[in-house]
Amino acid sequence: MESNNTIQFGTASGTLLSIVPNIVSEDIVKTIILAVVGAIISFSVSLLLKWLTKSKHK
């Protein structure tokens, strides 16, 4: 069965174009801030767990 890239591209671009008008700039800023906070917390917890497991093995 042959895949038709035109239909897939049309569906993807139609979905994207229907979502774009609903995105507000405040939502983008909020998303960026939450992503940064999440990354910092994840990194901190990883370092803490690494330190805790390192001190257990000594």
PDB file of N, CA and C in Angstrom:
ATOM      1  N   MET A   1       0.837  -1.178   0.000  1.00  0.00           N
ATOM      2  CA  MET A   1       0.000   0.000   0.000  1.00  0.00           C
ATOM      3  C   MET A   1       0.885   1.245   0.000  1.00  0.00           C
ATOM      4  N   GLU A   2       0.589   2.148  -0.886  1.00  0.00           N
ATOM      5  CA  GLU A   2       1.366   3.373  -1.011  1.00  0.00           C
ATOM      6  C   GLU A   2       0.870   4.413  -0.021  1.00  0.00           C
ATOM      7  N   SER A   3       1.808   5.071   0.668  1.00  0.00           N
ATOM      8  CA  SER A   3       1.383   6.131   1.583  1.00  0.00           C
ATOM      9  C   SER A   3       1.328   7.444   0.810  1.00  0.00           C
ATOM     10  N   ASN A   4       0.363   8.224   1.132  1.00  0.00           N
ATOM     11  CA  ASN A   4       0.181   9.491   0.445  1.00  0.00           C
ATOM     12  C   ASN A   4       0.621  10.612   1.375  1.00  0.00           C
ATOM     13  N   ASN A   5       1.790  11.180   1.093  1.00  0.00           N
ATOM     14  CA  ASN A   5       2.349  12.230   1.945  1.00  0.00           C
ATOM     15  C   ASN A   5       1.550  13.519   1.858  1.00  0.00           C
ATOM     16  N   THR A   6       0.856  13.717   0.764  1.00  0.00           N
ATOM     17  CA  THR A   6       0.077  14.944   0.606  1.00  0.00           C
ATOM     18  C   THR A   6      -1.046  15.007   1.637  1.00  0.00           C
ATOM     19  N   ILE A   7      -1.711  13.893   1.854  1.00  0.00           N
ATOM     20  CA  ILE A   7      -2.797  13.866   2.838  1.00  0.00           C
ATOM     21  C   ILE A   7      -2.247  14.079   4.234  1.00  0.00           C
ATOM     22  N   GLN A   8      -1.126  13.441   4.553  1.00  0.00           N
ATOM     23  CA  GLN A   8      -0.523  13.597   5.878  1.00  0.00           C
ATOM     24  C   GLN A   8      -0.065  15.032   6.101  1.00  0.00           C
ATOM     25  N   PHE A   9       0.565  15.631   5.084  1.00  0.00           N
ATOM     26  CA  PHE A   9       1.027  17.008   5.201  1.00  0.00           C
ATOM     27  C   PHE A   9      -0.160  17.963   5.328  1.00  0.00           C
ATOM     28  N   GLY A  10      -1.206  17.717   4.570  1.00  0.00           N
ATOM     29  CA  GLY A  10      -2.398  18.564   4.633  1.00  0.00           C
ATOM     30  C   GLY A  10      -3.073  18.486   5.993  1.00  0.00           C
ATOM     31  N   THR A  11      -3.149  17.283   6.535  1.00  0.00           N
ATOM     32  CA  THR A  11      -3.762  17.110   7.857  1.00  0.00           C
ATOM     33  C   THR A  11      -2.935  17.798   8.929  1.00  0.00           C
ATOM     34  N   ALA A  12      -1.612  17.611   8.889  1.00  0.00           N
ATOM     35  CA  ALA A  12      -0.730  18.223   9.890  1.00  0.00           C
ATOM     36  C   ALA A  12      -0.768  19.743   9.797  1.00  0.00           C
ATOM     37  N   SER A  13      -0.694  20.291   8.591  1.00  0.00           N
ATOM     38  CA  SER A  13      -0.698  21.754   8.461  1.00  0.00           C
ATOM     39  C   SER A  13      -2.070  22.337   8.812  1.00  0.00           C
ATOM     40  N   GLY A  14      -3.143  21.644   8.495  1.00  0.00           N
ATOM     41  CA  GLY A  14      -4.476  22.116   8.871  1.00  0.00           C
ATOM     42  C   GLY A  14      -4.657  22.142  10.375  1.00  0.00           C
ATOM     43  N   THR A  15      -4.155  21.098  11.039  1.00  0.00           N
ATOM     44  CA  THR A  15      -4.229  21.056  12.499  1.00  0.00           C
ATOM     45  C   THR A  15      -3.427  22.201  13.104  1.00  0.00           C
ATOM     46  N   LEU A  16      -2.216  22.397  12.595  1.00  0.00           N
ATOM     47  CA  LEU A  16      -1.355  23.472  13.098  1.00  0.00           C
ATOM     48  C   LEU A  16      -2.009  24.837  12.887  1.00  0.00           C
ATOM     49  N   LEU A  17      -2.545  25.064  11.712  1.00  0.00           N
ATOM     50  CA  LEU A  17      -3.158  26.361  11.424  1.00  0.00           C
ATOM     51  C   LEU A  17      -4.435  26.590  12.233  1.00  0.00           C
ATOM     52  N   SER A  18      -5.098  25.529  12.643  1.00  0.00           N
ATOM     53  CA  SER A  18      -6.290  25.724  13.476  1.00  0.00           C
ATOM     54  C   SER A  18      -5.927  25.966  14.934  1.00  0.00           C
ATOM     55  N   ILE A  19      -4.732  25.560  15.347  1.00  0.00           N
ATOM     56  CA  ILE A  19      -4.292  25.750  16.728  1.00  0.00           C
ATOM     57  C   ILE A  19      -3.651  27.124  16.916  1.00  0.00           C
ATOM     58  N   VAL A  20      -2.909  27.591  15.923  1.00  0.00           N
ATOM     59  CA  VAL A  20      -2.124  28.827  16.045  1.00  0.00           C
ATOM     60  C   VAL A  20      -2.955  30.037  16.486  1.00  0.00           C
ATOM     61  N   PRO A  21      -4.139  30.293  15.932  1.00  0.00           N
ATOM     62  CA  PRO A  21      -4.882  31.489  16.382  1.00  0.00           C
ATOM     63  C   PRO A  21      -5.319  31.434  17.845  1.00  0.00           C
ATOM     64  N   ASN A  22      -5.381  30.249  18.418  1.00  0.00           N
ATOM     65  CA  ASN A  22      -5.837  30.120  19.802  1.00  0.00           C
ATOM     66  C   ASN A  22      -4.720  30.257  20.819  1.00  0.00           C
ATOM     67  N   ILE A  23      -3.481  30.347  20.355  1.00  0.00           N
ATOM     68  CA  ILE A  23      -2.353  30.466  21.274  1.00  0.00           C
ATOM     69  C   ILE A  23      -2.145  31.940  21.618  1.00  0.00           C
ATOM     70  N   VAL A  24      -2.127  32.231  22.899  1.00  0.00           N
ATOM     71  CA  VAL A  24      -1.937  33.597  23.383  1.00  0.00           C
ATOM     72  C   VAL A  24      -0.493  33.733  23.856  1.00  0.00           C
ATOM     73  N   SER A  25       0.076  34.913  23.708  1.00  0.00           N
ATOM     74  CA  SER A  25       1.476  35.115  24.070  1.00  0.00           C
ATOM     75  C   SER A  25       1.726  34.852  25.553  1.00  0.00           C
ATOM     76  N   GLU A  26       0.745  35.133  26.408  1.00  0.00           N
ATOM     77  CA  GLU A  26       0.910  34.863  27.840  1.00  0.00           C
ATOM     78  C   GLU A  26       1.053  33.367  28.091  1.00  0.00           C
ATOM     79  N   ASP A  27       0.354  32.559  27.292  1.00  0.00           N
ATOM     80  CA  ASP A  27       0.461  31.110  27.432  1.00  0.00           C
ATOM     81  C   ASP A  27       1.858  30.630  27.069  1.00  0.00           C
ATOM     82  N   ILE A  28       2.445  31.239  26.062  1.00  0.00           N
ATOM     83  CA  ILE A  28       3.792  30.854  25.653  1.00  0.00           C
ATOM     84  C   ILE A  28       4.796  31.198  26.744  1.00  0.00           C
ATOM     85  N   VAL A  29       4.676  32.397  27.305  1.00  0.00           N
ATOM     86  CA  VAL A  29       5.573  32.821  28.383  1.00  0.00           C
ATOM     87  C   VAL A  29       5.403  31.912  29.605  1.00  0.00           C
ATOM     88  N   LYS A  30       4.159  31.597  29.949  1.00  0.00           N
ATOM     89  CA  LYS A  30       3.883  30.731  31.082  1.00  0.00           C
ATOM     90  C   LYS A  30       4.485  29.337  30.852  1.00  0.00           C
ATOM     91  N   THR A  31       4.369  28.837  29.647  1.00  0.00           N
ATOM     92  CA  THR A  31       4.920  27.523  29.315  1.00  0.00           C
ATOM     93  C   THR A  31       6.434  27.519  29.418  1.00  0.00           C
ATOM     94  N   ILE A  32       7.068  28.576  28.936  1.00  0.00           N
ATOM     95  CA  ILE A  32       8.529  28.666  29.013  1.00  0.00           C
ATOM     96  C   ILE A  32       8.981  28.715  30.468  1.00  0.00           C
ATOM     97  N   ILE A  33       8.303  29.507  31.279  1.00  0.00           N
ATOM     98  CA  ILE A  33       8.670  29.624  32.701  1.00  0.00           C
ATOM     99  C   ILE A  33       8.496  28.281  33.405  1.00  0.00           C
ATOM    100  N   LEU A  34       7.374  27.603  33.153  1.00  0.00           N
ATOM    101  CA  LEU A  34       7.148  26.308  33.784  1.00  0.00           C
ATOM    102  C   LEU A  34       8.174  25.271  33.329  1.00  0.00           C
ATOM    103  N   ALA A  35       8.572  25.324  32.064  1.00  0.00           N
ATOM    104  CA  ALA A  35       9.590  24.396  31.562  1.00  0.00           C
ATOM    105  C   ALA A  35      10.932  24.635  32.245  1.00  0.00           C
ATOM    106  N   VAL A  36      11.299  25.901  32.429  1.00  0.00           N
ATOM    107  CA  VAL A  36      12.565  26.225  33.090  1.00  0.00           C
ATOM    108  C   VAL A  36      12.531  25.779  34.552  1.00  0.00           C
ATOM    109  N   VAL A  37      11.439  26.062  35.238  1.00  0.00           N
ATOM    110  CA  VAL A  37      11.318  25.653  36.642  1.00  0.00           C
ATOM    111  C   VAL A  37      11.363  24.131  36.754  1.00  0.00           C
ATOM    112  N   GLY A  38      10.667  23.441  35.869  1.00  0.00           N
ATOM    113  CA  GLY A  38      10.673  21.980  35.884  1.00  0.00           C
ATOM    114  C   GLY A  38      12.050  21.408  35.630  1.00  0.00           C
ATOM    115  N   ALA A  39      12.787  21.998  34.702  1.00  0.00           N
ATOM    116  CA  ALA A  39      14.140  21.521  34.404  1.00  0.00           C
ATOM    117  C   ALA A  39      15.072  21.743  35.590  1.00  0.00           C
ATOM    118  N   ILE A  40      14.955  22.893  36.247  1.00  0.00           N
ATOM    119  CA  ILE A  40      15.798  23.185  37.410  1.00  0.00           C
ATOM    120  C   ILE A  40      15.492  22.214  38.546  1.00  0.00           C
ATOM    121  N   ILE A  41      14.225  21.977  38.806  1.00  0.00           N
ATOM    122  CA  ILE A  41      13.843  21.056  39.882  1.00  0.00           C
ATOM    123  C   ILE A  41      14.299  19.635  39.557  1.00  0.00           C
ATOM    124  N   SER A  42      14.114  19.214  38.323  1.00  0.00           N
ATOM    125  CA  SER A  42      14.530  17.872  37.917  1.00  0.00           C
ATOM    126  C   SER A  42      16.039  17.705  38.073  1.00  0.00           C
ATOM    127  N   PHE A  43      16.800  18.703  37.649  1.00  0.00           N
ATOM    128  CA  PHE A  43      18.259  18.649  37.772  1.00  0.00           C
ATOM    129  C   PHE A  43      18.674  18.624  39.240  1.00  0.00           C
ATOM    130  N   SER A  44      18.022  19.435  40.069  1.00  0.00           N
ATOM    131  CA  SER A  44      18.356  19.474  41.493  1.00  0.00           C
ATOM    132  C   SER A  44      18.064  18.146  42.179  1.00  0.00           C
ATOM    133  N   VAL A  45      16.922  17.557  41.866  1.00  0.00           N
ATOM    134  CA  VAL A  45      16.572  16.271  42.464  1.00  0.00           C
ATOM    135  C   VAL A  45      17.548  15.190  42.000  1.00  0.00           C
ATOM    136  N   SER A  46      17.955  15.227  40.745  1.00  0.00           N
ATOM    137  CA  SER A  46      18.936  14.262  40.238  1.00  0.00           C
ATOM    138  C   SER A  46      20.258  14.383  40.987  1.00  0.00           C
ATOM    139  N   LEU A  47      20.712  15.610  41.200  1.00  0.00           N
ATOM    140  CA  LEU A  47      21.960  15.816  41.945  1.00  0.00           C
ATOM    141  C   LEU A  47      21.820  15.343  43.385  1.00  0.00           C
ATOM    142  N   LEU A  48      20.678  15.632  44.010  1.00  0.00           N
ATOM    143  CA  LEU A  48      20.441  15.203  45.384  1.00  0.00           C
ATOM    144  C   LEU A  48      20.447  13.676  45.483  1.00  0.00           C
ATOM    145  N   LEU A  49      19.756  13.006  44.579  1.00  0.00           N
ATOM    146  CA  LEU A  49      19.723  11.544  44.607  1.00  0.00           C
ATOM    147  C   LEU A  49      21.094  10.946  44.332  1.00  0.00           C
ATOM    148  N   LYS A  50      21.838  11.576  43.435  1.00  0.00           N
ATOM    149  CA  LYS A  50      23.193  11.101  43.154  1.00  0.00           C
ATOM    150  C   LYS A  50      24.061  11.241  44.399  1.00  0.00           C
ATOM    151  N   TRP A  51      23.930  12.360  45.107  1.00  0.00           N
ATOM    152  CA  TRP A  51      24.711  12.594  46.316  1.00  0.00           C
ATOM    153  C   TRP A  51      24.308  11.610  47.411  1.00  0.00           C
ATOM    154  N   LEU A  52      23.000  11.352  47.547  1.00  0.00           N
ATOM    155  CA  LEU A  52      22.525  10.421  48.571  1.00  0.00           C
ATOM    156  C   LEU A  52      22.995   8.994  48.302  1.00  0.00           C
ATOM    157  N   THR A  53      22.944   8.565  47.064  1.00  0.00           N
ATOM    158  CA  THR A  53      23.378   7.197  46.763  1.00  0.00           C
ATOM    159  C   THR A  53      24.889   7.082  46.830  1.00  0.00           C
ATOM    160  N   LYS A  54      25.607   8.148  46.544  1.00  0.00           N
ATOM    161  CA  LYS A  54      27.067   8.138  46.623  1.00  0.00           C
ATOM    162  C   LYS A  54      27.507   8.027  48.082  1.00  0.00           C
ATOM    163  N   SER A  55      26.830   8.744  48.979  1.00  0.00           N
ATOM    164  CA  SER A  55      27.213   8.718  50.382  1.00  0.00           C
ATOM    165  C   SER A  55      26.825   7.398  51.039  1.00  0.00           C
ATOM    166  N   LYS A  56      25.851   6.686  50.510  1.00  0.00           N
ATOM    167  CA  LYS A  56      25.460   5.387  51.042  1.00  0.00           C
ATOM    168  C   LYS A  56      26.523   4.311  50.758  1.00  0.00           C
ATOM    169  N   HIS A  57      27.173   4.410  49.596  1.00  0.00           N
ATOM    170  CA  HIS A  57      28.128   3.397  49.180  1.00  0.00           C
ATOM    171  C   HIS A  57      29.491   3.542  49.846  1.00  0.00           C
ATOM    172  N   LYS A  58      29.736   4.643  50.518  1.00  0.00           N
ATOM    173  CA  LYS A  58      31.052   4.837  51.174  1.00  0.00           C
ATOM    174  C   LYS A  58      31.130   4.134  52.470  1.00  0.00           C
TER     175      LYS A  58
END
